[in-house]
Amino acid sequence: MTDGWTDRRRRSILIFLVNSPKGTIFLKSIDASSICKTTNKKFQMVNDVVEEVGEENVIQIVTGNVANYKAAGDLLLQKRKRVYWTPCAAHCIDLMLEDFEKKIPLHKETIARGKKITNFIYASVGLIILLHHFTKGGDLIRLGATRFATSYLTLGRLQENKSALWKMFNSEEWIGSWFAKTKDEEYIEELVTDKGFWKDTLNCLRDDYPLIKVLRIVNSNQKPSMRYIYEEMDKCKETIISNFNGVLRRYILHDIHFA
């Protein structure tokens, strides 16, 4: 299995893990900055790991689902006839969430507006203290398993704390504070009290929470998820169609393929 991230020096670091009935262990990590976008070099990298572990010990290779990984996987299958290549289910779902956020205007605009609220509040310790007073210690940002899941989970936290935010921006503490006199406060205050924004937030969550539910299943370490994934994806599509039974929603779902 492969995973990776970009460090502070903008290097692409890849790690290799080996999974067996006894558990998952770390094999090695490499600086892949010079090969991360090259199909042939990526194929050679994965092929070298298979050679190191021993092809007789490898049944399946799991990588990300971007185009160069898919192409490298095809090359690997041509060379290694007994090895299977599979895209990471969590990465596949994250790509779906990315499409929702970037390609559907409602989602793109609503998430951007939600980030304006969180960025404004979390830029000041005083505002965070005021927020915690009205939310009883609750936060607005919730980290998910992936970047785009975090966007929708944060929208969910905003929706859950809608009443607390409304009370906060109408409270004497807020009105009497210097925060209420900054250049950004008028826009944020209008946004928090805008019923249209909260309706858009709810519509976005109805679209994407079924996908996030599946993401939690495939990203869980408690039990293997392969036996559940296809059934759960079918349930996910049915739930979204049930939530929004319009032609546009059906077209969107038809265009999303779980590879």
C-alpha atoms as a PDB file:
ATOM      1  CA  MET A   1       0.000   0.000   0.000  1.00  0.00           C
ATOM      2  CA  THR A   2       1.206   3.503  -0.748  1.00  0.00           C
ATOM      3  CA  ASP A   3       0.457   6.814   0.905  1.00  0.00           C
ATOM      4  CA  GLY A   4       2.041  10.219   0.642  1.00  0.00           C
ATOM      5  CA  TRP A   5       2.109  13.889   1.502  1.00  0.00           C
ATOM      6  CA  THR A   6       3.971  17.110   0.716  1.00  0.00           C
ATOM      7  CA  ASP A   7       6.352  18.369   3.401  1.00  0.00           C
ATOM      8  CA  ARG A   8       7.239  21.969   4.290  1.00  0.00           C
ATOM      9  CA  ARG A   9       9.977  22.007   1.671  1.00  0.00           C
ATOM     10  CA  ARG A  10       7.398  21.067  -0.990  1.00  0.00           C
ATOM     11  CA  ARG A  11       8.874  17.581  -1.412  1.00  0.00           C
ATOM     12  CA  SER A  12       6.547  14.704  -2.329  1.00  0.00           C
ATOM     13  CA  ILE A  13       7.145  11.984   0.241  1.00  0.00           C
ATOM     14  CA  LEU A  14       5.766   8.500  -0.434  1.00  0.00           C
ATOM     15  CA  ILE A  15       5.564   5.738   2.145  1.00  0.00           C
ATOM     16  CA  PHE A  16       5.116   2.037   1.506  1.00  0.00           C
ATOM     17  CA  LEU A  17       3.203  -0.214   3.874  1.00  0.00           C
ATOM     18  CA  VAL A  18       2.850  -3.992   3.835  1.00  0.00           C
ATOM     19  CA  ASN A  19      -0.427  -5.513   4.996  1.00  0.00           C
ATOM     20  CA  SER A  20      -0.818  -9.143   6.028  1.00  0.00           C
ATOM     21  CA  PRO A  21      -3.086 -11.202   8.320  1.00  0.00           C
ATOM     22  CA  LYS A  22      -0.760 -10.204  11.156  1.00  0.00           C
ATOM     23  CA  GLY A  23      -1.337  -6.480  10.551  1.00  0.00           C
ATOM     24  CA  THR A  24       0.174  -3.521   8.680  1.00  0.00           C
ATOM     25  CA  ILE A  25       3.839  -2.581   8.964  1.00  0.00           C
ATOM     26  CA  PHE A  26       5.918   0.299   7.597  1.00  0.00           C
ATOM     27  CA  LEU A  27       8.328  -0.757   4.838  1.00  0.00           C
ATOM     28  CA  LYS A  28      10.079   2.448   3.745  1.00  0.00           C
ATOM     29  CA  SER A  29       9.632   6.036   2.575  1.00  0.00           C
ATOM     30  CA  ILE A  30      11.187   7.852  -0.386  1.00  0.00           C
ATOM     31  CA  ASP A  31      11.436  11.369  -1.778  1.00  0.00           C
ATOM     32  CA  ALA A  32       9.371  11.069  -4.974  1.00  0.00           C
ATOM     33  CA  SER A  33       9.474  14.731  -6.011  1.00  0.00           C
ATOM     34  CA  SER A  34      11.193  13.966  -9.315  1.00  0.00           C
ATOM     35  CA  ILE A  35       8.976  11.017 -10.262  1.00  0.00           C
ATOM     36  CA  CYS A  36       5.531  11.724  -8.817  1.00  0.00           C
ATOM     37  CA  LYS A  37       4.100  12.909 -12.172  1.00  0.00           C
ATOM     38  CA  THR A  38       5.923  10.467 -14.464  1.00  0.00           C
ATOM     39  CA  THR A  39       4.089   7.231 -15.263  1.00  0.00           C
ATOM     40  CA  ASN A  40       7.113   5.116 -16.222  1.00  0.00           C
ATOM     41  CA  LYS A  41       9.124   6.175 -13.186  1.00  0.00           C
ATOM     42  CA  LYS A  42       6.136   5.585 -10.925  1.00  0.00           C
ATOM     43  CA  PHE A  43       5.711   2.125 -12.400  1.00  0.00           C
ATOM     44  CA  GLN A  44       9.406   1.393 -11.834  1.00  0.00           C
ATOM     45  CA  MET A  45       9.149   2.608  -8.250  1.00  0.00           C
ATOM     46  CA  VAL A  46       6.222   0.297  -7.433  1.00  0.00           C
ATOM     47  CA  ASN A  47       7.764  -2.569  -9.387  1.00  0.00           C
ATOM     48  CA  ASP A  48      10.987  -2.247  -7.384  1.00  0.00           C
ATOM     49  CA  VAL A  49       9.000  -2.526  -4.145  1.00  0.00           C
ATOM     50  CA  VAL A  50       7.287  -5.691  -5.415  1.00  0.00           C
ATOM     51  CA  GLU A  51      10.707  -7.082  -6.288  1.00  0.00           C
ATOM     52  CA  GLU A  52      12.015  -6.182  -2.839  1.00  0.00           C
ATOM     53  CA  VAL A  53       9.135  -7.861  -1.019  1.00  0.00           C
ATOM     54  CA  GLY A  54       9.051 -10.783  -3.458  1.00  0.00           C
ATOM     55  CA  GLU A  55       6.347 -11.217  -6.078  1.00  0.00           C
ATOM     56  CA  GLU A  56       5.355 -14.537  -4.533  1.00  0.00           C
ATOM     57  CA  ASN A  57       4.453 -12.607  -1.346  1.00  0.00           C
ATOM     58  CA  VAL A  58       2.357  -9.916  -3.093  1.00  0.00           C
ATOM     59  CA  ILE A  59      -1.287 -10.351  -3.979  1.00  0.00           C
ATOM     60  CA  GLN A  60      -2.537  -6.795  -4.295  1.00  0.00           C
ATOM     61  CA  ILE A  61      -1.087  -3.300  -4.759  1.00  0.00           C
ATOM     62  CA  VAL A  62      -3.176  -0.386  -3.398  1.00  0.00           C
ATOM     63  CA  THR A  63      -2.362   3.154  -4.567  1.00  0.00           C
ATOM     64  CA  GLY A  64      -4.056   6.478  -5.181  1.00  0.00           C
ATOM     65  CA  ASN A  65      -6.455   6.877  -8.101  1.00  0.00           C
ATOM     66  CA  VAL A  66      -4.912   9.782 -10.028  1.00  0.00           C
ATOM     67  CA  ALA A  67      -4.221   9.249 -13.743  1.00  0.00           C
ATOM     68  CA  ASN A  68      -0.496   8.485 -13.519  1.00  0.00           C
ATOM     69  CA  TYR A  69      -1.046   5.916 -10.765  1.00  0.00           C
ATOM     70  CA  LYS A  70      -3.721   4.202 -12.870  1.00  0.00           C
ATOM     71  CA  ALA A  71      -1.379   4.124 -15.872  1.00  0.00           C
ATOM     72  CA  ALA A  72       1.467   2.793 -13.697  1.00  0.00           C
ATOM     73  CA  GLY A  73      -0.917   0.140 -12.355  1.00  0.00           C
ATOM     74  CA  ASP A  74      -1.715  -1.012 -15.908  1.00  0.00           C
ATOM     75  CA  LEU A  75       2.001  -1.356 -16.671  1.00  0.00           C
ATOM     76  CA  LEU A  76       2.507  -3.303 -13.457  1.00  0.00           C
ATOM     77  CA  LEU A  77      -0.281  -5.760 -14.335  1.00  0.00           C
ATOM     78  CA  GLN A  78       1.301  -6.359 -17.737  1.00  0.00           C
ATOM     79  CA  LYS A  79       4.591  -7.304 -16.078  1.00  0.00           C
ATOM     80  CA  ARG A  80       3.292  -9.019 -12.949  1.00  0.00           C
ATOM     81  CA  LYS A  81       0.549 -11.404 -14.108  1.00  0.00           C
ATOM     82  CA  ARG A  82      -0.359 -12.698 -10.639  1.00  0.00           C
ATOM     83  CA  VAL A  83      -0.592  -9.296  -8.921  1.00  0.00           C
ATOM     84  CA  TYR A  84      -3.763  -7.181  -8.666  1.00  0.00           C
ATOM     85  CA  TRP A  85      -3.768  -3.371  -8.641  1.00  0.00           C
ATOM     86  CA  THR A  86      -6.561  -1.583  -6.759  1.00  0.00           C
ATOM     87  CA  PRO A  87      -7.172   2.150  -6.257  1.00  0.00           C
ATOM     88  CA  CYS A  88      -7.547   3.331  -2.678  1.00  0.00           C
ATOM     89  CA  ALA A  89     -11.274   3.476  -1.850  1.00  0.00           C
ATOM     90  CA  ALA A  90     -10.815   6.482   0.465  1.00  0.00           C
ATOM     91  CA  HIS A  91      -8.991   8.387  -2.281  1.00  0.00           C
ATOM     92  CA  CYS A  92     -11.737   7.532  -4.801  1.00  0.00           C
ATOM     93  CA  ILE A  93     -14.394   8.947  -2.484  1.00  0.00           C
ATOM     94  CA  ASP A  94     -12.286  12.023  -1.769  1.00  0.00           C
ATOM     95  CA  LEU A  95     -12.092  12.651  -5.535  1.00  0.00           C
ATOM     96  CA  MET A  96     -15.897  12.467  -5.668  1.00  0.00           C
ATOM     97  CA  LEU A  97     -16.147  15.006  -2.855  1.00  0.00           C
ATOM     98  CA  GLU A  98     -13.641  17.187  -4.718  1.00  0.00           C
ATOM     99  CA  ASP A  99     -15.855  17.074  -7.826  1.00  0.00           C
ATOM    100  CA  PHE A 100     -18.873  18.102  -5.745  1.00  0.00           C
ATOM    101  CA  GLU A 101     -16.997  21.032  -4.219  1.00  0.00           C
ATOM    102  CA  LYS A 102     -15.296  22.275  -7.377  1.00  0.00           C
ATOM    103  CA  LYS A 103     -17.838  21.495 -10.109  1.00  0.00           C
ATOM    104  CA  ILE A 104     -21.192  22.300  -8.476  1.00  0.00           C
ATOM    105  CA  PRO A 105     -21.543  26.087  -8.024  1.00  0.00           C
ATOM    106  CA  LEU A 106     -23.837  25.760  -4.988  1.00  0.00           C
ATOM    107  CA  HIS A 107     -21.268  23.667  -3.149  1.00  0.00           C
ATOM    108  CA  LYS A 108     -18.292  25.783  -4.209  1.00  0.00           C
ATOM    109  CA  GLU A 109     -19.929  29.040  -3.120  1.00  0.00           C
ATOM    110  CA  THR A 110     -21.410  27.674   0.119  1.00  0.00           C
ATOM    111  CA  ILE A 111     -18.126  26.128   1.277  1.00  0.00           C
ATOM    112  CA  ALA A 112     -16.287  29.371   0.461  1.00  0.00           C
ATOM    113  CA  ARG A 113     -18.810  31.372   2.503  1.00  0.00           C
ATOM    114  CA  GLY A 114     -18.549  28.919   5.388  1.00  0.00           C
ATOM    115  CA  LYS A 115     -14.759  29.287   5.368  1.00  0.00           C
ATOM    116  CA  LYS A 116     -15.139  33.060   5.624  1.00  0.00           C
ATOM    117  CA  ILE A 117     -17.034  32.568   8.888  1.00  0.00           C
ATOM    118  CA  THR A 118     -14.525  30.147  10.376  1.00  0.00           C
ATOM    119  CA  ASN A 119     -11.501  32.154   9.186  1.00  0.00           C
ATOM    120  CA  PHE A 120     -12.941  35.335  10.700  1.00  0.00           C
ATOM    121  CA  ILE A 121     -13.654  33.753  14.087  1.00  0.00           C
ATOM    122  CA  TYR A 122     -10.491  31.680  14.392  1.00  0.00           C
ATOM    123  CA  ALA A 123      -8.241  34.619  13.507  1.00  0.00           C
ATOM    124  CA  SER A 124      -8.703  36.027  17.017  1.00  0.00           C
ATOM    125  CA  VAL A 125      -8.338  34.439  20.436  1.00  0.00           C
ATOM    126  CA  GLY A 126     -11.018  36.796  21.767  1.00  0.00           C
ATOM    127  CA  LEU A 127     -13.545  35.612  19.189  1.00  0.00           C
ATOM    128  CA  ILE A 128     -12.712  31.971  19.889  1.00  0.00           C
ATOM    129  CA  ILE A 129     -13.404  32.568  23.591  1.00  0.00           C
ATOM    130  CA  LEU A 130     -16.709  34.267  22.710  1.00  0.00           C
ATOM    131  CA  LEU A 131     -17.597  31.397  20.361  1.00  0.00           C
ATOM    132  CA  HIS A 132     -16.921  28.778  23.036  1.00  0.00           C
ATOM    133  CA  HIS A 133     -19.134  30.707  25.448  1.00  0.00           C
ATOM    134  CA  PHE A 134     -22.142  30.386  23.139  1.00  0.00           C
ATOM    135  CA  THR A 135     -21.389  26.881  21.822  1.00  0.00           C
ATOM    136  CA  LYS A 136     -20.635  25.518  25.307  1.00  0.00           C
ATOM    137  CA  GLY A 137     -17.068  24.760  24.268  1.00  0.00           C
ATOM    138  CA  GLY A 138     -17.894  23.428  20.804  1.00  0.00           C
ATOM    139  CA  ASP A 139     -15.777  24.204  17.734  1.00  0.00           C
ATOM    140  CA  LEU A 140     -16.767  24.987  14.158  1.00  0.00           C
ATOM    141  CA  ILE A 141     -13.951  23.127  12.413  1.00  0.00           C
ATOM    142  CA  ARG A 142     -13.996  19.352  12.291  1.00  0.00           C
ATOM    143  CA  LEU A 143     -11.147  17.476  10.660  1.00  0.00           C
ATOM    144  CA  GLY A 144     -12.064  14.572   8.428  1.00  0.00           C
ATOM    145  CA  ALA A 145     -10.121  11.673   6.979  1.00  0.00           C
ATOM    146  CA  THR A 146      -9.435  13.690   3.824  1.00  0.00           C
ATOM    147  CA  ARG A 147      -9.175  17.344   2.786  1.00  0.00           C
ATOM    148  CA  PHE A 148     -12.543  17.557   1.059  1.00  0.00           C
ATOM    149  CA  ALA A 149     -14.336  15.581   3.745  1.00  0.00           C
ATOM    150  CA  THR A 150     -13.108  18.254   6.164  1.00  0.00           C
ATOM    151  CA  SER A 151     -14.867  20.940   4.088  1.00  0.00           C
ATOM    152  CA  TYR A 152     -18.233  19.215   4.434  1.00  0.00           C
ATOM    153  CA  LEU A 153     -17.766  18.177   8.063  1.00  0.00           C
ATOM    154  CA  THR A 154     -17.040  21.829   8.867  1.00  0.00           C
ATOM    155  CA  LEU A 155     -20.279  22.828   7.111  1.00  0.00           C
ATOM    156  CA  GLY A 156     -21.974  20.265   9.324  1.00  0.00           C
ATOM    157  CA  ARG A 157     -20.485  21.850  12.444  1.00  0.00           C
ATOM    158  CA  LEU A 158     -21.675  25.268  11.281  1.00  0.00           C
ATOM    159  CA  GLN A 159     -25.193  23.879  10.769  1.00  0.00           C
ATOM    160  CA  GLU A 160     -25.172  22.247  14.218  1.00  0.00           C
ATOM    161  CA  ASN A 161     -24.140  25.549  15.826  1.00  0.00           C
ATOM    162  CA  LYS A 162     -26.428  27.787  13.770  1.00  0.00           C
ATOM    163  CA  SER A 163     -28.484  28.933  16.763  1.00  0.00           C
ATOM    164  CA  ALA A 164     -25.379  29.556  18.874  1.00  0.00           C
ATOM    165  CA  LEU A 165     -23.811  31.650  16.103  1.00  0.00           C
ATOM    166  CA  TRP A 166     -26.995  33.653  15.649  1.00  0.00           C
ATOM    167  CA  LYS A 167     -27.109  34.377  19.401  1.00  0.00           C
ATOM    168  CA  MET A 168     -23.426  35.260  19.437  1.00  0.00           C
ATOM    169  CA  PHE A 169     -23.717  37.850  16.658  1.00  0.00           C
ATOM    170  CA  ASN A 170     -26.790  39.377  18.297  1.00  0.00           C
ATOM    171  CA  SER A 171     -25.401  39.400  21.833  1.00  0.00           C
ATOM    172  CA  GLU A 172     -24.411  42.427  23.894  1.00  0.00           C
ATOM    173  CA  GLU A 173     -20.909  40.948  24.196  1.00  0.00           C
ATOM    174  CA  TRP A 174     -20.527  41.020  20.413  1.00  0.00           C
ATOM    175  CA  ILE A 175     -22.148  44.409  19.837  1.00  0.00           C
ATOM    176  CA  GLY A 176     -20.011  46.014  22.519  1.00  0.00           C
ATOM    177  CA  SER A 177     -16.734  44.459  21.361  1.00  0.00           C
ATOM    178  CA  TRP A 178     -14.188  46.015  19.015  1.00  0.00           C
ATOM    179  CA  PHE A 179     -14.618  42.985  16.724  1.00  0.00           C
ATOM    180  CA  ALA A 180     -18.026  44.349  15.727  1.00  0.00           C
ATOM    181  CA  LYS A 181     -16.351  47.469  14.405  1.00  0.00           C
ATOM    182  CA  THR A 182     -13.917  45.807  11.989  1.00  0.00           C
ATOM    183  CA  LYS A 183     -14.334  46.031   8.220  1.00  0.00           C
ATOM    184  CA  ASP A 184     -15.234  42.351   7.842  1.00  0.00           C
ATOM    185  CA  GLU A 185     -17.764  42.078  10.643  1.00  0.00           C
ATOM    186  CA  GLU A 186     -20.736  43.443   8.684  1.00  0.00           C
ATOM    187  CA  TYR A 187     -20.382  40.814   5.968  1.00  0.00           C
ATOM    188  CA  ILE A 188     -19.918  37.976   8.479  1.00  0.00           C
ATOM    189  CA  GLU A 189     -22.846  39.133  10.602  1.00  0.00           C
ATOM    190  CA  GLU A 190     -25.114  39.327   7.537  1.00  0.00           C
ATOM    191  CA  LEU A 191     -23.943  35.868   6.448  1.00  0.00           C
ATOM    192  CA  VAL A 192     -24.662  34.248   9.813  1.00  0.00           C
ATOM    193  CA  THR A 193     -28.190  35.728   9.862  1.00  0.00           C
ATOM    194  CA  ASP A 194     -28.879  34.889   6.192  1.00  0.00           C
ATOM    195  CA  LYS A 195     -31.528  32.143   5.992  1.00  0.00           C
ATOM    196  CA  GLY A 196     -30.504  31.457   2.393  1.00  0.00           C
ATOM    197  CA  PHE A 197     -26.973  30.526   3.472  1.00  0.00           C
ATOM    198  CA  TRP A 198     -28.246  28.006   6.001  1.00  0.00           C
ATOM    199  CA  LYS A 199     -30.605  26.498   3.438  1.00  0.00           C
ATOM    200  CA  ASP A 200     -27.709  26.120   0.985  1.00  0.00           C
ATOM    201  CA  THR A 201     -25.603  24.530   3.732  1.00  0.00           C
ATOM    202  CA  LEU A 202     -28.285  21.964   4.440  1.00  0.00           C
ATOM    203  CA  ASN A 203     -28.637  21.141   0.733  1.00  0.00           C
ATOM    204  CA  CYS A 204     -24.884  20.568   0.429  1.00  0.00           C
ATOM    205  CA  LEU A 205     -24.887  18.257   3.443  1.00  0.00           C
ATOM    206  CA  ARG A 206     -27.765  16.226   2.026  1.00  0.00           C
ATOM    207  CA  ASP A 207     -25.658  15.680  -1.074  1.00  0.00           C
ATOM    208  CA  ASP A 208     -22.409  14.682   0.574  1.00  0.00           C
ATOM    209  CA  TYR A 209     -22.990  13.174   3.996  1.00  0.00           C
ATOM    210  CA  PRO A 210     -23.924   9.771   2.456  1.00  0.00           C
ATOM    211  CA  LEU A 211     -20.490   9.754   0.778  1.00  0.00           C
ATOM    212  CA  ILE A 212     -18.776  10.741   4.015  1.00  0.00           C
ATOM    213  CA  LYS A 213     -20.525   7.840   5.757  1.00  0.00           C
ATOM    214  CA  VAL A 214     -18.973   5.454   3.216  1.00  0.00           C
ATOM    215  CA  LEU A 215     -15.606   7.174   3.659  1.00  0.00           C
ATOM    216  CA  ARG A 216     -15.735   6.501   7.389  1.00  0.00           C
ATOM    217  CA  ILE A 217     -16.385   2.815   6.719  1.00  0.00           C
ATOM    218  CA  VAL A 218     -13.505   2.350   4.269  1.00  0.00           C
ATOM    219  CA  ASN A 219     -11.129   4.431   6.398  1.00  0.00           C
ATOM    220  CA  SER A 220     -11.873   2.522   9.595  1.00  0.00           C
ATOM    221  CA  ASN A 221      -9.196   0.278  11.080  1.00  0.00           C
ATOM    222  CA  GLN A 222     -11.709  -1.734  13.071  1.00  0.00           C
ATOM    223  CA  LYS A 223     -12.606  -4.250  10.340  1.00  0.00           C
ATOM    224  CA  PRO A 224     -11.880  -4.925   6.641  1.00  0.00           C
ATOM    225  CA  SER A 225     -14.263  -2.883   4.474  1.00  0.00           C
ATOM    226  CA  MET A 226     -13.886  -4.504   1.039  1.00  0.00           C
ATOM    227  CA  ARG A 227     -16.895  -6.780   1.531  1.00  0.00           C
ATOM    228  CA  TYR A 228     -19.111  -3.750   2.278  1.00  0.00           C
ATOM    229  CA  ILE A 229     -17.912  -1.073  -0.147  1.00  0.00           C
ATOM    230  CA  TYR A 230     -20.001  -1.785  -3.258  1.00  0.00           C
ATOM    231  CA  GLU A 231     -23.215  -2.315  -1.302  1.00  0.00           C
ATOM    232  CA  GLU A 232     -22.571   0.865   0.681  1.00  0.00           C
ATOM    233  CA  MET A 233     -21.926   2.852  -2.516  1.00  0.00           C
ATOM    234  CA  ASP A 234     -25.259   1.638  -3.933  1.00  0.00           C
ATOM    235  CA  LYS A 235     -27.002   2.714  -0.728  1.00  0.00           C
ATOM    236  CA  CYS A 236     -25.187   6.059  -0.907  1.00  0.00           C
ATOM    237  CA  LYS A 237     -26.448   6.780  -4.442  1.00  0.00           C
ATOM    238  CA  GLU A 238     -29.989   5.757  -3.509  1.00  0.00           C
ATOM    239  CA  THR A 239     -29.926   8.030  -0.455  1.00  0.00           C
ATOM    240  CA  ILE A 240     -28.749  11.050  -2.443  1.00  0.00           C
ATOM    241  CA  ILE A 241     -31.368  10.421  -5.136  1.00  0.00           C
ATOM    242  CA  SER A 242     -34.014  10.094  -2.430  1.00  0.00           C
ATOM    243  CA  ASN A 243     -32.909  13.392  -0.863  1.00  0.00           C
ATOM    244  CA  PHE A 244     -32.981  15.220  -4.179  1.00  0.00           C
ATOM    245  CA  ASN A 245     -35.217  13.464  -6.642  1.00  0.00           C
ATOM    246  CA  GLY A 246     -34.608  15.881  -9.540  1.00  0.00           C
ATOM    247  CA  VAL A 247     -33.267  15.428 -13.036  1.00  0.00           C
ATOM    248  CA  LEU A 248     -30.085  17.401 -12.343  1.00  0.00           C
ATOM    249  CA  ARG A 249     -29.215  15.273  -9.311  1.00  0.00           C
ATOM    250  CA  ARG A 250     -29.783  12.074 -11.303  1.00  0.00           C
ATOM    251  CA  TYR A 251     -27.492  13.373 -14.040  1.00  0.00           C
ATOM    252  CA  ILE A 252     -24.743  14.150 -11.509  1.00  0.00           C
ATOM    253  CA  LEU A 253     -24.935  10.695  -9.961  1.00  0.00           C
ATOM    254  CA  HIS A 254     -24.922   9.015 -13.370  1.00  0.00           C
ATOM    255  CA  ASP A 255     -21.708  10.842 -14.172  1.00  0.00           C
ATOM    256  CA  ILE A 256     -19.884   9.697 -11.016  1.00  0.00           C
ATOM    257  CA  HIS A 257     -18.172   6.335 -11.372  1.00  0.00           C
ATOM    258  CA  PHE A 258     -16.632   4.441  -8.506  1.00  0.00           C
ATOM    259  CA  ALA A 259     -13.476   2.981 -10.016  1.00  0.00           C
END
